[in-house]
Amino acid sequence: MEVGFWIAGTIIYILVAIKVNIEGIAALDGDVNPVIMATFWPVFYLFVYVVSILLGTAYLIQSLGKYITGKIRR
């Protein structure tokens, strides 16, 4: 279970770093549309959040399945 959280945390950390870099570059350029940024990032993070929840749930179900089958085999 910890592995799933670690992977999700790493992905989110990388995405935050990318977001900061893009916004920093955009601030230097000064030609990026703020409306696009305002709508893009919340949707993007919602997508990442949902994916990480799905991965965590799949991992949990998999480990539960292994535990149950291990109990049945004994």
N, C-alpha and C. Protein backbone atom coordinates (compact mmCIF):
# COMPACT_ATOMS: atom_id res chain seq x y z
N MET A 1 0.84 -1.20 0.00
CA MET A 1 0.00 0.00 0.00
C MET A 1 0.87 1.25 0.00
N GLU A 2 1.97 1.21 0.76
CA GLU A 2 2.85 2.39 0.84
C GLU A 2 3.43 2.72 -0.53
N VAL A 3 3.68 1.67 -1.33
CA VAL A 3 4.29 1.89 -2.65
C VAL A 3 3.37 2.74 -3.52
N GLY A 4 2.06 2.44 -3.48
CA GLY A 4 1.10 3.21 -4.27
C GLY A 4 1.08 4.68 -3.87
N PHE A 5 1.10 4.93 -2.57
CA PHE A 5 1.12 6.32 -2.09
C PHE A 5 2.41 7.01 -2.49
N TRP A 6 3.52 6.27 -2.43
CA TRP A 6 4.82 6.84 -2.78
C TRP A 6 4.85 7.23 -4.26
N ILE A 7 4.31 6.35 -5.11
CA ILE A 7 4.27 6.63 -6.55
C ILE A 7 3.37 7.83 -6.83
N ALA A 8 2.19 7.86 -6.21
CA ALA A 8 1.26 8.97 -6.42
C ALA A 8 1.87 10.29 -5.95
N GLY A 9 2.54 10.25 -4.80
CA GLY A 9 3.19 11.45 -4.28
C GLY A 9 4.29 11.95 -5.20
N THR A 10 5.07 11.01 -5.75
CA THR A 10 6.14 11.37 -6.68
C THR A 10 5.57 12.01 -7.93
N ILE A 11 4.49 11.42 -8.48
CA ILE A 11 3.86 11.97 -9.69
C ILE A 11 3.36 13.38 -9.41
N ILE A 12 2.67 13.58 -8.28
CA ILE A 12 2.14 14.90 -7.95
C ILE A 12 3.27 15.91 -7.77
N TYR A 13 4.36 15.47 -7.12
CA TYR A 13 5.52 16.36 -6.92
C TYR A 13 6.10 16.80 -8.26
N ILE A 14 6.25 15.85 -9.19
CA ILE A 14 6.79 16.17 -10.52
C ILE A 14 5.86 17.14 -11.24
N LEU A 15 4.54 16.90 -11.14
CA LEU A 15 3.57 17.76 -11.82
C LEU A 15 3.58 19.17 -11.25
N VAL A 16 3.73 19.28 -9.93
CA VAL A 16 3.83 20.60 -9.30
C VAL A 16 5.08 21.32 -9.80
N ALA A 17 6.19 20.58 -9.90
CA ALA A 17 7.44 21.18 -10.40
C ALA A 17 7.26 21.67 -11.84
N ILE A 18 6.58 20.86 -12.67
CA ILE A 18 6.32 21.25 -14.06
C ILE A 18 5.45 22.50 -14.09
N LYS A 19 4.39 22.53 -13.25
CA LYS A 19 3.48 23.68 -13.20
C LYS A 19 4.24 24.95 -12.84
N VAL A 20 5.09 24.87 -11.81
CA VAL A 20 5.86 26.04 -11.38
C VAL A 20 6.79 26.51 -12.50
N ASN A 21 7.43 25.55 -13.18
CA ASN A 21 8.33 25.91 -14.27
C ASN A 21 7.59 26.57 -15.42
N ILE A 22 6.43 26.01 -15.80
CA ILE A 22 5.65 26.57 -16.91
C ILE A 22 5.18 27.98 -16.54
N GLU A 23 4.69 28.16 -15.31
CA GLU A 23 4.21 29.49 -14.91
C GLU A 23 5.36 30.48 -14.83
N GLY A 24 6.54 30.01 -14.40
CA GLY A 24 7.71 30.89 -14.35
C GLY A 24 8.13 31.33 -15.74
N ILE A 25 8.15 30.38 -16.69
CA ILE A 25 8.52 30.71 -18.07
C ILE A 25 7.47 31.64 -18.67
N ALA A 26 6.18 31.35 -18.38
CA ALA A 26 5.09 32.18 -18.91
C ALA A 26 5.19 33.60 -18.36
N ALA A 27 5.56 33.72 -17.07
CA ALA A 27 5.69 35.05 -16.47
C ALA A 27 6.83 35.83 -17.13
N LEU A 28 7.89 35.12 -17.50
CA LEU A 28 9.01 35.77 -18.19
C LEU A 28 8.59 36.22 -19.59
N ASP A 29 7.84 35.36 -20.28
CA ASP A 29 7.37 35.69 -21.63
C ASP A 29 6.30 36.77 -21.58
N GLY A 30 5.32 36.58 -20.70
CA GLY A 30 4.24 37.55 -20.55
C GLY A 30 3.19 37.46 -21.63
N ASP A 31 3.13 36.33 -22.35
CA ASP A 31 2.16 36.23 -23.45
C ASP A 31 1.24 35.01 -23.31
N VAL A 32 1.16 34.43 -22.10
CA VAL A 32 0.28 33.29 -21.91
C VAL A 32 -1.08 33.80 -21.41
N ASN A 33 -2.13 33.12 -21.85
CA ASN A 33 -3.49 33.52 -21.49
C ASN A 33 -3.80 33.06 -20.06
N PRO A 34 -4.08 33.98 -19.13
CA PRO A 34 -4.36 33.56 -17.74
C PRO A 34 -5.63 32.74 -17.60
N VAL A 35 -6.58 32.94 -18.52
CA VAL A 35 -7.83 32.17 -18.46
C VAL A 35 -7.54 30.69 -18.73
N ILE A 36 -6.68 30.43 -19.70
CA ILE A 36 -6.30 29.05 -20.02
C ILE A 36 -5.62 28.41 -18.81
N MET A 37 -4.69 29.14 -18.19
CA MET A 37 -4.01 28.62 -17.01
C MET A 37 -5.00 28.36 -15.87
N ALA A 38 -5.95 29.28 -15.69
CA ALA A 38 -6.91 29.16 -14.60
C ALA A 38 -7.84 27.97 -14.78
N THR A 39 -8.16 27.63 -16.04
CA THR A 39 -9.04 26.48 -16.28
C THR A 39 -8.27 25.18 -16.43
N PHE A 40 -7.05 25.26 -16.98
CA PHE A 40 -6.29 24.04 -17.28
C PHE A 40 -5.80 23.34 -16.02
N TRP A 41 -5.18 24.10 -15.10
CA TRP A 41 -4.54 23.44 -13.95
C TRP A 41 -5.50 22.76 -13.00
N PRO A 42 -6.65 23.37 -12.64
CA PRO A 42 -7.59 22.63 -11.76
C PRO A 42 -8.08 21.33 -12.38
N VAL A 43 -8.38 21.36 -13.69
CA VAL A 43 -8.82 20.15 -14.39
C VAL A 43 -7.70 19.11 -14.39
N PHE A 44 -6.49 19.59 -14.65
CA PHE A 44 -5.30 18.74 -14.69
C PHE A 44 -5.09 18.05 -13.34
N TYR A 45 -5.19 18.83 -12.25
CA TYR A 45 -4.97 18.27 -10.91
C TYR A 45 -6.11 17.34 -10.52
N LEU A 46 -7.33 17.65 -10.94
CA LEU A 46 -8.46 16.76 -10.68
C LEU A 46 -8.22 15.41 -11.35
N PHE A 47 -7.75 15.45 -12.60
CA PHE A 47 -7.43 14.24 -13.36
C PHE A 47 -6.35 13.42 -12.63
N VAL A 48 -5.29 14.10 -12.20
CA VAL A 48 -4.19 13.43 -11.48
C VAL A 48 -4.70 12.81 -10.18
N TYR A 49 -5.55 13.56 -9.48
CA TYR A 49 -6.12 13.10 -8.21
C TYR A 49 -6.95 11.84 -8.42
N VAL A 50 -7.81 11.86 -9.44
CA VAL A 50 -8.67 10.71 -9.73
C VAL A 50 -7.82 9.50 -10.12
N VAL A 51 -6.80 9.72 -10.97
CA VAL A 51 -5.93 8.63 -11.40
C VAL A 51 -5.21 8.01 -10.20
N SER A 52 -4.69 8.87 -9.31
CA SER A 52 -3.97 8.35 -8.14
C SER A 52 -4.91 7.58 -7.21
N ILE A 53 -6.17 8.05 -7.07
CA ILE A 53 -7.16 7.33 -6.26
C ILE A 53 -7.46 5.97 -6.89
N LEU A 54 -7.62 5.94 -8.22
CA LEU A 54 -7.90 4.68 -8.92
C LEU A 54 -6.74 3.71 -8.76
N LEU A 55 -5.51 4.21 -8.90
CA LEU A 55 -4.33 3.35 -8.73
C LEU A 55 -4.27 2.80 -7.31
N GLY A 56 -4.52 3.66 -6.33
CA GLY A 56 -4.51 3.23 -4.93
C GLY A 56 -5.59 2.19 -4.66
N THR A 57 -6.79 2.40 -5.22
CA THR A 57 -7.89 1.47 -5.04
C THR A 57 -7.57 0.12 -5.69
N ALA A 58 -7.02 0.17 -6.90
CA ALA A 58 -6.65 -1.06 -7.61
C ALA A 58 -5.60 -1.84 -6.81
N TYR A 59 -4.64 -1.12 -6.27
CA TYR A 59 -3.58 -1.75 -5.47
C TYR A 59 -4.17 -2.39 -4.21
N LEU A 60 -5.10 -1.68 -3.57
CA LEU A 60 -5.75 -2.18 -2.36
C LEU A 60 -6.56 -3.44 -2.67
N ILE A 61 -7.33 -3.41 -3.76
CA ILE A 61 -8.14 -4.56 -4.16
C ILE A 61 -7.24 -5.76 -4.47
N GLN A 62 -6.14 -5.49 -5.16
CA GLN A 62 -5.19 -6.55 -5.51
C GLN A 62 -4.61 -7.20 -4.25
N SER A 63 -4.19 -6.37 -3.29
CA SER A 63 -3.59 -6.91 -2.07
C SER A 63 -4.64 -7.65 -1.23
N LEU A 64 -5.88 -7.14 -1.22
CA LEU A 64 -6.96 -7.83 -0.52
C LEU A 64 -7.24 -9.18 -1.17
N GLY A 65 -7.24 -9.20 -2.50
CA GLY A 65 -7.45 -10.45 -3.23
C GLY A 65 -6.38 -11.48 -2.91
N LYS A 66 -5.13 -11.03 -2.87
CA LYS A 66 -4.02 -11.94 -2.53
C LYS A 66 -4.19 -12.46 -1.10
N TYR A 67 -4.60 -11.59 -0.18
CA TYR A 67 -4.79 -11.98 1.22
C TYR A 67 -5.91 -13.02 1.35
N ILE A 68 -7.03 -12.77 0.65
CA ILE A 68 -8.18 -13.67 0.72
C ILE A 68 -7.84 -15.02 0.10
N THR A 69 -7.20 -15.02 -1.07
CA THR A 69 -6.84 -16.29 -1.72
C THR A 69 -5.82 -17.04 -0.87
N GLY A 70 -4.94 -16.32 -0.19
CA GLY A 70 -3.99 -16.95 0.72
C GLY A 70 -4.70 -17.64 1.88
N LYS A 71 -5.77 -17.00 2.39
CA LYS A 71 -6.55 -17.57 3.49
C LYS A 71 -7.30 -18.83 3.01
N ILE A 72 -7.85 -18.75 1.79
CA ILE A 72 -8.65 -19.87 1.26
C ILE A 72 -7.75 -21.09 1.02
N ARG A 73 -6.56 -20.87 0.50
CA ARG A 73 -5.66 -21.98 0.17
C ARG A 73 -5.23 -22.76 1.41
N ARG A 74 -5.15 -22.09 2.55
CA ARG A 74 -4.76 -22.79 3.79
C ARG A 74 -5.90 -23.59 4.32
